[in-house]
């Protein structure tokens, strides 16, 4: 979910269950076991298309991609199943050439009719990064992300780019057809190294559903950093999980059951 500055309309997004679906937490790398994920409803293109069309019909602005199937391939296939829905796709600096990434984004934007949004993922757990061949520490990863976004955003503006950075190097890079419109850049990260990069490049700064005072402190921090960059502060987004029941007691009971099942070796599954 994201919003403009105070007083503006909220924009609501929904998650695409690309790791499968079920009645328990299905989170791939971060929660449920592989057995639990496999036991739920599989993420077929038919089912994902139903969910995407349902979200579009109900007025959601976009679909945030979760862990699971490859984001670029899945959302490219789903673009034909929808008309207005935008897709928030993981953008991973360091795993791909910035010139190629800029070209892919421009292609997606053109063929989808301008429905691409990009979620910059600087890095997850260290073990996951190493599995992809990335052995930089957190500070270095954010430095590389800054270099990556500098190159990509300049290419999107139609510039010819030559850069020699600490991590990335391109010479005479350019796009024949820059994207129109330029994809919105979403960015999450709470570390000291993340803030300046977010303030410089993010259109929407994302945070988890933390206690209100903690979120407020973080957003004021990003606003101050953006001011130092001479930029208008980005919009802000927050990721929340909503459990709806007829009463608060029933909702808490459902939440407690989900938490219990998150640590189970086997899960009680079944497609909703």
Protein backbone atom coordinates (compact mmCIF):
# COMPACT_ATOMS: atom_id res chain seq x y z
CA UNK A 1 0.00 0.00 0.00
CA UNK A 2 1.35 3.44 -0.80
CA UNK A 3 0.16 7.00 -0.38
CA UNK A 4 1.02 10.50 -1.43
CA UNK A 5 1.94 13.06 1.20
CA UNK A 6 -0.65 13.72 3.91
CA UNK A 7 -4.11 14.39 2.52
CA UNK A 8 -3.67 12.61 -0.81
CA UNK A 9 -5.46 9.45 -1.89
CA UNK A 10 -4.18 6.04 -0.88
CA UNK A 11 -3.09 3.57 -3.53
CA UNK A 12 -3.67 -0.08 -2.73
CA UNK A 13 -1.71 -3.02 -4.11
CA UNK A 14 -2.17 -6.77 -3.67
CA UNK A 15 0.21 -9.72 -3.63
CA UNK A 16 0.60 -12.22 -6.42
CA UNK A 17 0.87 -15.74 -4.89
CA UNK A 18 3.74 -16.92 -7.09
CA UNK A 19 4.87 -19.42 -4.46
CA UNK A 20 1.52 -21.17 -4.46
CA UNK A 21 -1.53 -20.52 -2.34
CA UNK A 22 -3.26 -22.12 0.62
CA UNK A 23 -4.84 -21.58 4.01
CA UNK A 24 -1.51 -21.21 5.81
CA UNK A 25 1.44 -18.85 5.42
CA UNK A 26 3.14 -19.52 2.09
CA UNK A 27 6.34 -17.52 2.00
CA UNK A 28 9.04 -19.57 0.37
CA UNK A 29 12.42 -18.35 1.61
CA UNK A 30 11.06 -16.56 4.64
CA UNK A 31 8.47 -18.77 6.31
CA UNK A 32 6.80 -22.01 5.25
CA UNK A 33 8.78 -25.16 4.55
CA UNK A 34 9.23 -26.46 1.03
CA UNK A 35 6.83 -29.32 1.83
CA UNK A 36 4.16 -26.88 2.96
CA UNK A 37 4.59 -24.77 -0.16
CA UNK A 38 4.36 -27.84 -2.41
CA UNK A 39 1.22 -29.07 -0.65
CA UNK A 40 -0.82 -25.93 -1.35
CA UNK A 41 -2.42 -24.72 -4.54
CA UNK A 42 0.20 -24.49 -7.31
CA UNK A 43 0.89 -21.12 -8.96
CA UNK A 44 -0.37 -21.97 -12.45
CA UNK A 45 -0.77 -19.19 -14.98
CA UNK A 46 -4.51 -19.89 -15.01
CA UNK A 47 -4.87 -19.39 -11.26
CA UNK A 48 -2.56 -16.37 -11.14
CA UNK A 49 -4.56 -14.86 -13.99
CA UNK A 50 -7.78 -15.31 -11.98
CA UNK A 51 -6.23 -13.55 -8.97
CA UNK A 52 -4.85 -10.72 -11.12
CA UNK A 53 -8.17 -10.14 -12.89
CA UNK A 54 -10.01 -10.24 -9.57
CA UNK A 55 -7.69 -7.60 -8.13
CA UNK A 56 -8.14 -5.43 -11.19
CA UNK A 57 -11.93 -5.71 -11.03
CA UNK A 58 -11.91 -4.75 -7.33
CA UNK A 59 -9.95 -1.59 -8.02
CA UNK A 60 -6.45 -2.43 -6.81
CA UNK A 61 -3.81 -0.35 -8.53
CA UNK A 62 -1.10 -2.95 -8.84
CA UNK A 63 0.20 -6.38 -8.00
CA UNK A 64 3.30 -6.75 -5.85
CA UNK A 65 5.33 -9.81 -6.76
CA UNK A 66 6.18 -12.14 -3.87
CA UNK A 67 8.83 -14.89 -3.65
CA UNK A 68 8.37 -17.79 -6.01
CA UNK A 69 8.24 -17.90 -9.79
CA UNK A 70 10.50 -15.53 -11.70
CA UNK A 71 8.95 -12.07 -11.54
CA UNK A 72 9.77 -10.89 -15.05
CA UNK A 73 8.52 -14.00 -16.84
CA UNK A 74 5.38 -14.38 -14.72
CA UNK A 75 4.19 -10.79 -14.95
CA UNK A 76 5.01 -10.58 -18.66
CA UNK A 77 2.69 -13.54 -19.23
CA UNK A 78 -0.02 -12.04 -17.01
CA UNK A 79 0.02 -8.68 -18.76
CA UNK A 80 -2.17 -10.17 -21.49
CA UNK A 81 -4.69 -11.34 -18.86
CA UNK A 82 -5.35 -7.81 -17.58
CA UNK A 83 -6.00 -4.34 -18.97
CA UNK A 84 -5.20 -1.75 -16.27
CA UNK A 85 -3.39 -3.55 -13.47
CA UNK A 86 0.25 -2.58 -12.93
CA UNK A 87 2.93 -5.06 -11.91
CA UNK A 88 5.53 -4.33 -9.22
CA UNK A 89 8.48 -6.48 -10.29
CA UNK A 90 11.66 -7.25 -8.34
CA UNK A 91 14.62 -5.32 -9.79
CA UNK A 92 17.89 -6.88 -8.57
CA UNK A 93 21.04 -4.76 -9.04
CA UNK A 94 24.16 -6.86 -9.33
CA UNK A 95 22.57 -9.93 -10.90
CA UNK A 96 22.22 -8.38 -14.36
CA UNK A 97 23.88 -5.72 -16.50
CA UNK A 98 22.32 -2.28 -15.88
CA UNK A 99 22.08 -1.69 -19.64
CA UNK A 100 20.26 -4.99 -20.18
CA UNK A 101 17.98 -4.32 -17.19
CA UNK A 102 17.12 -0.86 -18.54
CA UNK A 103 16.38 -2.40 -21.94
CA UNK A 104 14.17 -5.14 -20.44
CA UNK A 105 12.21 -2.57 -18.44
CA UNK A 106 11.74 -0.37 -21.50
CA UNK A 107 10.51 -3.37 -23.50
CA UNK A 108 8.07 -4.45 -20.77
CA UNK A 109 6.79 -0.88 -20.46
CA UNK A 110 6.18 -0.54 -24.18
CA UNK A 111 4.51 -3.93 -24.69
CA UNK A 112 2.35 -3.72 -21.55
CA UNK A 113 1.12 -0.20 -22.23
CA UNK A 114 3.07 1.43 -19.39
CA UNK A 115 2.12 -0.96 -16.58
CA UNK A 116 5.54 -1.73 -15.08
CA UNK A 117 6.66 -0.70 -11.58
CA UNK A 118 10.03 -1.75 -10.18
CA UNK A 119 10.87 -2.88 -6.65
CA UNK A 120 14.61 -2.49 -6.08
CA UNK A 121 15.89 -5.52 -4.15
CA UNK A 122 19.44 -4.79 -3.04
CA UNK A 123 19.81 -8.09 -1.23
CA UNK A 124 18.15 -10.59 1.03
CA UNK A 125 19.79 -12.99 3.42
CA UNK A 126 23.55 -13.43 2.93
CA UNK A 127 23.12 -17.14 2.15
CA UNK A 128 20.63 -16.30 -0.61
CA UNK A 129 22.99 -13.69 -2.09
CA UNK A 130 25.91 -16.13 -2.10
CA UNK A 131 23.76 -18.73 -3.86
CA UNK A 132 23.45 -16.23 -6.71
CA UNK A 133 27.19 -15.61 -6.72
CA UNK A 134 27.05 -12.31 -4.83
CA UNK A 135 29.64 -12.08 -2.03
CA UNK A 136 29.56 -8.35 -1.31
CA UNK A 137 28.71 -7.14 2.18
CA UNK A 138 25.65 -4.94 2.83
CA UNK A 139 27.50 -1.61 2.52
CA UNK A 140 29.02 -2.65 -0.80
CA UNK A 141 25.69 -3.93 -2.11
CA UNK A 142 24.01 -0.56 -1.52
CA UNK A 143 26.95 1.22 -3.13
CA UNK A 144 26.52 -1.02 -6.18
CA UNK A 145 22.77 -0.37 -6.17
CA UNK A 146 23.45 3.36 -6.32
CA UNK A 147 25.76 2.90 -9.32
CA UNK A 148 23.20 0.63 -10.98
CA UNK A 149 20.30 3.06 -10.56
CA UNK A 150 22.44 5.97 -11.74
CA UNK A 151 23.15 4.17 -15.02
CA UNK A 152 19.61 2.87 -15.49
CA UNK A 153 17.83 6.17 -14.80
CA UNK A 154 20.19 8.06 -17.11
CA UNK A 155 19.53 5.53 -19.88
CA UNK A 156 15.79 5.96 -19.35
CA UNK A 157 16.25 9.72 -19.83
CA UNK A 158 17.74 9.02 -23.25
CA UNK A 159 21.38 9.73 -22.32
CA UNK A 160 24.42 7.96 -23.69
CA UNK A 161 26.21 6.72 -20.58
CA UNK A 162 29.86 6.02 -19.87
CA UNK A 163 30.61 5.21 -16.23
CA UNK A 164 33.49 3.58 -14.37
CA UNK A 165 32.39 2.89 -10.81
CA UNK A 166 33.70 0.76 -7.99
CA UNK A 167 31.38 -2.09 -9.01
CA UNK A 168 29.92 -1.34 -12.46
CA UNK A 169 31.36 -0.12 -15.71
CA UNK A 170 29.65 0.74 -19.02
CA UNK A 171 30.90 2.55 -22.09
CA UNK A 172 28.69 4.28 -24.64
CA UNK A 173 25.55 2.64 -23.26
CA UNK A 174 22.25 3.86 -24.71
CA UNK A 175 18.70 2.75 -25.41
CA UNK A 176 17.21 3.05 -28.88
CA UNK A 177 13.75 3.46 -27.31
CA UNK A 178 13.64 4.75 -23.73
CA UNK A 179 10.53 3.73 -21.76
CA UNK A 180 7.44 5.89 -21.88
CA UNK A 181 6.47 6.47 -19.18
CA UNK A 182 9.55 5.78 -17.07
CA UNK A 183 8.72 2.97 -14.58
CA UNK A 184 8.19 4.03 -10.98
CA UNK A 185 11.01 2.95 -8.65
CA UNK A 186 10.03 1.44 -5.29
CA UNK A 187 12.76 1.03 -2.69
CA UNK A 188 12.95 -0.54 0.77
CA UNK A 189 15.85 -0.55 3.21
CA UNK A 190 16.34 0.67 6.77
CA UNK A 191 20.11 0.51 7.14
CA UNK A 192 22.46 3.49 7.23
CA UNK A 193 23.70 2.55 3.75
CA UNK A 194 20.18 2.22 2.29
CA UNK A 195 18.85 5.67 3.19
CA UNK A 196 20.93 7.89 0.87
CA UNK A 197 20.32 5.58 -2.11
CA UNK A 198 16.57 5.58 -1.47
CA UNK A 199 16.51 9.36 -1.06
CA UNK A 200 18.35 9.83 -4.35
CA UNK A 201 16.41 7.43 -6.59
CA UNK A 202 13.15 6.20 -5.05
CA UNK A 203 9.73 7.34 -6.22
CA UNK A 204 8.17 5.32 -3.39
CA UNK A 205 9.99 4.39 -0.18
CA UNK A 206 8.71 1.15 1.38
CA UNK A 207 8.66 0.00 4.98
CA UNK A 208 7.30 -2.98 6.90
CA UNK A 209 4.31 -2.69 9.21
CA UNK A 210 6.30 -1.62 12.25
CA UNK A 211 5.01 0.30 15.31
CA UNK A 212 3.75 3.76 14.23
CA UNK A 213 6.49 5.71 16.05
CA UNK A 214 9.19 3.60 14.37
CA UNK A 215 7.65 4.13 10.93
CA UNK A 216 7.34 7.88 11.54
CA UNK A 217 11.01 8.13 12.56
CA UNK A 218 12.07 6.28 9.42
CA UNK A 219 9.96 8.41 7.09
CA UNK A 220 11.23 11.67 8.60
CA UNK A 221 14.78 10.32 8.09
CA UNK A 222 14.12 9.71 4.38
CA UNK A 223 12.50 13.13 3.99
CA UNK A 224 15.60 14.81 5.46
CA UNK A 225 17.93 12.82 3.19
CA UNK A 226 15.83 13.68 0.12
CA UNK A 227 16.01 17.36 1.03
CA UNK A 228 19.82 17.12 1.12
CA UNK A 229 19.66 15.70 -2.42
CA UNK A 230 17.47 18.60 -3.51
CA UNK A 231 14.58 16.23 -4.22
CA UNK A 232 10.93 16.29 -3.29
CA UNK A 233 10.43 13.51 -0.71
CA UNK A 234 9.25 10.24 -2.25
CA UNK A 235 5.80 8.83 -1.63
CA UNK A 236 5.68 6.27 1.15
CA UNK A 237 4.39 2.71 1.14
CA UNK A 238 3.84 0.17 3.89
CA UNK A 239 3.47 -3.60 3.65
CA UNK A 240 0.69 -4.97 5.82
CA UNK A 241 -1.04 -8.33 6.20
CA UNK A 242 -4.76 -8.05 6.87
CA UNK A 243 -6.87 -10.75 8.53
CA UNK A 244 -10.58 -10.05 8.36
CA UNK A 245 -13.21 -11.83 10.46
CA UNK A 246 -16.58 -10.84 11.89
CA UNK A 247 -15.06 -10.07 15.30
CA UNK A 248 -11.64 -9.05 16.63
CA UNK A 249 -11.56 -12.22 18.72
CA UNK A 250 -12.02 -14.41 15.66
CA UNK A 251 -9.37 -12.45 13.77
CA UNK A 252 -6.83 -12.87 16.58
CA UNK A 253 -7.61 -16.59 16.74
CA UNK A 254 -6.93 -16.90 13.02
CA UNK A 255 -3.69 -14.94 13.39
CA UNK A 256 -2.49 -17.16 16.23
CA UNK A 257 -3.19 -20.28 14.19
CA UNK A 258 -1.17 -18.91 11.26
CA UNK A 259 1.77 -18.13 13.56
CA UNK A 260 1.64 -21.63 15.05
CA UNK A 261 1.58 -23.22 11.61
CA UNK A 262 4.52 -21.14 10.43
CA UNK A 263 6.79 -23.22 12.67
CA UNK A 264 5.15 -26.58 11.94
CA UNK A 265 7.11 -29.22 10.03
CA UNK A 266 3.89 -29.97 8.17
CA UNK A 267 1.05 -27.58 7.52
CA UNK A 268 -2.71 -27.93 7.34
CA UNK A 269 -3.22 -26.89 3.76
CA UNK A 270 -5.97 -26.47 1.26
CA UNK A 271 -6.79 -24.00 -1.43
CA UNK A 272 -9.21 -21.28 -0.31
